[in-house]
Amino acid sequence: MNQEELKNQLARGIDALGLSLDKTRQLLLLEYLQLLVKWNKVHNLTAVRDPEQMVTHHLLDALSVLPHLTETKRLLDVGSGGGIPGLLLAIARPDWEVHLIDSNHKKTAFLQQVAIELQLANVTVHTGRIEALQDVPPFDTVISRAFSELADFVKLAKNMVAEGGYFQAMKGVYPFEEIAHLPAGFKVEEVIPLNVPELNAERHLVKISKTAA
């Protein structure tokens, strides 16, 4: 793994996304990548093994949603797994309060270790199921990537979205069927195509609100 090449690849991708991330943030993202590679050998956090692919499929994929989360101050990442996108968003936006939840203890141990090693004071990690999360105020943004179908996501996380807040679901191809199966009380506000640098695959962000009962 050539660190200089990965550094340049990440910097190019950030520029292509039109983001402004200082060198400190970029170095933290690369430190996260090193920890992901190291832990992945033992705990199988991601099927992607190649660090260059991880930059595209994980780091840039997660960062591609940043321009569309303009109203975010407090964010919850549901089914965070290896911290994608929540941990990466926390690195990029140290002014946000970011909570990560996953039911897998090995994955939350990794998330906690990254938060400690990278000194991410804005990150809180929860182990357990989203529907059992208590004593935490609701969030303006509740996000997920590859967590579940939209209907399950909004039903399980409905109590975690603050009034005026949004569910944000990261998807691959345009999820026509999933949108059609959304339960009553939820409305798709927007489906945003995401252009991830060097990724030859469709990506969409589905923005959903709760409607009045």
Protein backbone atom coordinates (compact mmCIF):
# COMPACT_ATOMS: atom_id res chain seq x y z
CA MET A 1 0.00 0.00 0.00
CA ASN A 2 1.65 3.20 -1.23
CA GLN A 3 0.55 5.95 1.14
CA GLU A 4 1.53 8.75 -1.23
CA GLU A 5 -0.62 7.29 -4.03
CA LEU A 6 -3.59 6.86 -1.67
CA LYS A 7 -3.12 10.42 -0.41
CA ASN A 8 -3.17 11.76 -3.99
CA GLN A 9 -6.16 9.59 -4.93
CA LEU A 10 -8.13 10.89 -1.95
CA ALA A 11 -7.16 14.52 -2.64
CA ARG A 12 -8.23 14.20 -6.30
CA GLY A 13 -11.56 12.71 -5.26
CA ILE A 14 -12.24 15.44 -2.70
CA ASP A 15 -11.52 18.09 -5.35
CA ALA A 16 -13.82 16.32 -7.83
CA LEU A 17 -16.62 16.35 -5.23
CA GLY A 18 -16.14 20.10 -4.79
CA LEU A 19 -15.38 19.72 -1.09
CA SER A 20 -13.05 21.79 1.04
CA LEU A 21 -11.24 19.53 3.51
CA ASP A 22 -7.97 20.70 5.03
CA LYS A 23 -4.84 18.53 5.19
CA THR A 24 -5.56 17.55 8.80
CA ARG A 25 -8.96 16.12 7.84
CA GLN A 26 -7.47 14.31 4.86
CA LEU A 27 -4.73 12.76 6.99
CA LEU A 28 -7.33 11.57 9.51
CA LEU A 29 -9.29 9.94 6.68
CA LEU A 30 -6.12 8.08 5.63
CA GLU A 31 -5.46 7.04 9.24
CA TYR A 32 -9.01 5.67 9.35
CA LEU A 33 -8.23 3.73 6.16
CA GLN A 34 -5.11 2.19 7.74
CA LEU A 35 -7.13 1.07 10.76
CA LEU A 36 -9.87 -0.36 8.53
CA VAL A 37 -7.30 -2.39 6.54
CA LYS A 38 -5.69 -3.64 9.77
CA TRP A 39 -8.94 -4.62 11.53
CA ASN A 40 -10.49 -6.04 8.37
CA LYS A 41 -7.90 -8.83 8.29
CA VAL A 42 -9.30 -10.17 11.56
CA HIS A 43 -12.91 -8.97 11.81
CA ASN A 44 -14.10 -8.90 8.19
CA LEU A 45 -15.59 -5.39 8.38
CA THR A 46 -15.85 -5.01 4.61
CA ALA A 47 -15.70 -7.24 1.54
CA VAL A 48 -13.46 -4.65 -0.13
CA ARG A 49 -9.84 -5.62 0.50
CA ASP A 50 -7.84 -3.33 -1.76
CA PRO A 51 -6.96 0.03 -0.14
CA GLU A 52 -7.35 1.93 -3.45
CA GLN A 53 -10.85 0.50 -3.83
CA MET A 54 -11.58 1.42 -0.21
CA VAL A 55 -10.77 5.06 -1.04
CA THR A 56 -13.37 5.02 -3.82
CA HIS A 57 -16.01 2.63 -2.46
CA HIS A 58 -15.91 3.84 1.15
CA LEU A 59 -14.21 7.20 1.68
CA LEU A 60 -15.36 9.07 -1.43
CA ASP A 61 -18.71 7.28 -1.45
CA ALA A 62 -19.40 8.52 2.09
CA LEU A 63 -18.10 12.04 1.41
CA SER A 64 -20.30 12.37 -1.69
CA VAL A 65 -23.35 13.00 0.53
CA LEU A 66 -21.78 15.98 2.34
CA PRO A 67 -23.02 18.71 -0.05
CA HIS A 68 -26.58 17.45 0.52
CA LEU A 69 -26.55 17.49 4.34
CA THR A 70 -26.50 21.27 4.65
CA GLU A 71 -28.93 21.43 7.58
CA THR A 72 -27.10 18.85 9.69
CA LYS A 73 -25.78 19.53 13.18
CA ARG A 74 -26.56 16.20 14.88
CA LEU A 75 -26.36 12.97 12.88
CA LEU A 76 -27.12 9.32 13.65
CA ASP A 77 -25.67 6.59 11.41
CA VAL A 78 -27.84 3.46 11.66
CA GLY A 79 -26.13 0.11 11.06
CA SER A 80 -22.81 1.91 10.93
CA GLY A 81 -20.72 -1.24 10.39
CA GLY A 82 -17.21 -0.07 9.62
CA GLY A 83 -18.24 3.55 10.14
CA ILE A 84 -19.51 4.25 6.67
CA PRO A 85 -20.73 6.92 6.27
CA GLY A 86 -21.02 8.21 9.87
CA LEU A 87 -17.42 7.98 11.05
CA LEU A 88 -16.12 9.52 7.83
CA LEU A 89 -18.64 12.36 8.08
CA ALA A 90 -17.54 12.93 11.69
CA ILE A 91 -13.93 13.26 10.52
CA ALA A 92 -14.91 15.67 7.75
CA ARG A 93 -17.22 17.75 9.96
CA PRO A 94 -15.75 18.04 13.49
CA ASP A 95 -18.46 20.62 14.33
CA TRP A 96 -21.18 17.96 13.98
CA GLU A 97 -22.30 15.72 16.83
CA VAL A 98 -22.21 12.22 15.33
CA HIS A 99 -23.68 9.04 16.85
CA LEU A 100 -23.00 5.59 15.40
CA ILE A 101 -25.08 2.52 16.19
CA ASP A 102 -24.61 -1.14 15.24
CA SER A 103 -25.76 -4.38 16.86
CA ASN A 104 -22.45 -6.14 16.10
CA HIS A 105 -20.04 -5.87 19.04
CA LYS A 106 -16.91 -6.40 16.92
CA LYS A 107 -17.92 -3.56 14.63
CA THR A 108 -18.67 -1.15 17.46
CA ALA A 109 -15.36 -2.09 19.10
CA PHE A 110 -13.68 -1.00 15.87
CA LEU A 111 -15.68 2.24 15.76
CA GLN A 112 -14.77 3.00 19.38
CA GLN A 113 -11.09 2.28 18.73
CA VAL A 114 -11.01 4.60 15.72
CA ALA A 115 -12.71 7.36 17.70
CA ILE A 116 -10.09 6.98 20.45
CA GLU A 117 -7.03 6.71 18.20
CA LEU A 118 -8.06 9.62 15.98
CA GLN A 119 -9.26 11.66 19.00
CA LEU A 120 -12.72 12.24 17.52
CA ALA A 121 -14.39 14.09 20.37
CA ASN A 122 -17.60 14.51 18.35
CA VAL A 123 -18.31 10.74 18.06
CA THR A 124 -20.50 8.58 20.33
CA VAL A 125 -20.80 4.82 19.68
CA HIS A 126 -23.82 2.72 20.66
CA THR A 127 -24.01 -1.08 20.58
CA GLY A 128 -27.49 -2.49 20.04
CA ARG A 129 -30.55 -2.30 17.84
CA ILE A 130 -31.83 1.07 16.70
CA GLU A 131 -35.35 0.48 18.04
CA ALA A 132 -33.89 -0.08 21.52
CA LEU A 133 -31.90 3.17 21.60
CA GLN A 134 -33.10 5.29 24.52
CA ASP A 135 -32.18 8.42 26.45
CA VAL A 136 -30.80 10.10 23.32
CA PRO A 137 -32.48 13.22 21.90
CA PRO A 138 -33.69 12.86 18.28
CA PHE A 139 -31.46 13.93 15.40
CA ASP A 140 -31.89 16.32 12.47
CA THR A 141 -30.29 13.69 10.21
CA VAL A 142 -30.61 9.91 10.48
CA ILE A 143 -28.55 8.24 7.76
CA SER A 144 -27.90 4.69 6.62
CA ARG A 145 -25.97 2.88 3.92
CA ALA A 146 -26.80 -0.73 3.04
CA PHE A 147 -28.72 -1.08 6.32
CA SER A 148 -32.12 -2.29 5.12
CA GLU A 149 -34.96 -1.55 2.73
CA LEU A 150 -36.42 1.95 3.07
CA ALA A 151 -39.65 0.75 4.73
CA ASP A 152 -37.73 -1.04 7.49
CA PHE A 153 -35.30 1.84 7.92
CA VAL A 154 -37.98 4.47 8.52
CA LYS A 155 -40.10 2.21 10.75
CA LEU A 156 -37.17 1.18 12.96
CA ALA A 157 -35.65 4.65 13.21
CA LYS A 158 -38.83 6.78 13.23
CA ASN A 159 -38.42 7.90 16.86
CA MET A 160 -34.87 9.10 16.22
CA VAL A 161 -35.73 11.81 13.68
CA ALA A 162 -36.40 15.24 15.19
CA GLU A 163 -39.27 17.41 14.04
CA GLY A 164 -38.17 19.01 10.78
CA GLY A 165 -35.39 16.42 10.41
CA TYR A 166 -34.83 13.86 7.66
CA PHE A 167 -33.99 10.25 6.99
CA GLN A 168 -31.17 10.02 4.44
CA ALA A 169 -30.74 6.59 2.83
CA MET A 170 -27.71 5.87 0.64
CA LYS A 171 -28.67 3.52 -2.19
CA GLY A 172 -27.22 2.14 -5.41
CA VAL A 173 -29.61 2.17 -8.37
CA TYR A 174 -32.77 4.29 -8.13
CA PRO A 175 -34.92 2.36 -5.59
CA PHE A 176 -38.31 2.52 -7.36
CA GLU A 177 -39.79 -0.52 -5.60
CA GLU A 178 -38.54 0.42 -2.14
CA ILE A 179 -40.05 3.90 -2.50
CA ALA A 180 -43.36 2.36 -3.60
CA HIS A 181 -43.42 0.24 -0.41
CA LEU A 182 -42.85 3.13 2.02
CA PRO A 183 -45.49 3.02 4.77
CA ALA A 184 -48.00 5.80 5.38
CA GLY A 185 -46.64 8.73 7.36
CA PHE A 186 -43.43 9.09 5.36
CA LYS A 187 -42.71 11.16 2.26
CA VAL A 188 -39.83 11.11 -0.20
CA GLU A 189 -38.64 14.69 -0.48
CA GLU A 190 -35.92 14.11 -3.03
CA VAL A 191 -33.83 11.39 -4.68
CA ILE A 192 -30.39 12.81 -5.44
CA PRO A 193 -28.00 11.15 -7.91
CA LEU A 194 -24.51 10.98 -6.40
CA ASN A 195 -21.40 11.14 -8.59
CA VAL A 196 -18.60 9.30 -6.79
CA PRO A 197 -15.20 9.92 -8.40
CA GLU A 198 -13.66 6.81 -10.05
CA LEU A 199 -16.70 4.70 -9.16
CA ASN A 200 -18.42 3.21 -12.19
CA ALA A 201 -21.73 2.50 -10.48
CA GLU A 202 -25.00 4.27 -9.73
CA ARG A 203 -25.45 5.91 -6.36
CA HIS A 204 -28.47 7.77 -4.98
CA LEU A 205 -29.36 9.55 -1.75
CA VAL A 206 -33.03 9.25 -0.75
CA LYS A 207 -34.25 12.07 1.49
CA ILE A 208 -37.38 11.17 3.47
CA SER A 209 -39.46 13.17 5.96
CA LYS A 210 -42.17 12.23 8.42
CA THR A 211 -45.58 13.62 7.50
CA ALA A 212 -48.26 14.80 9.91
CA ALA A 213 -50.35 11.98 11.35
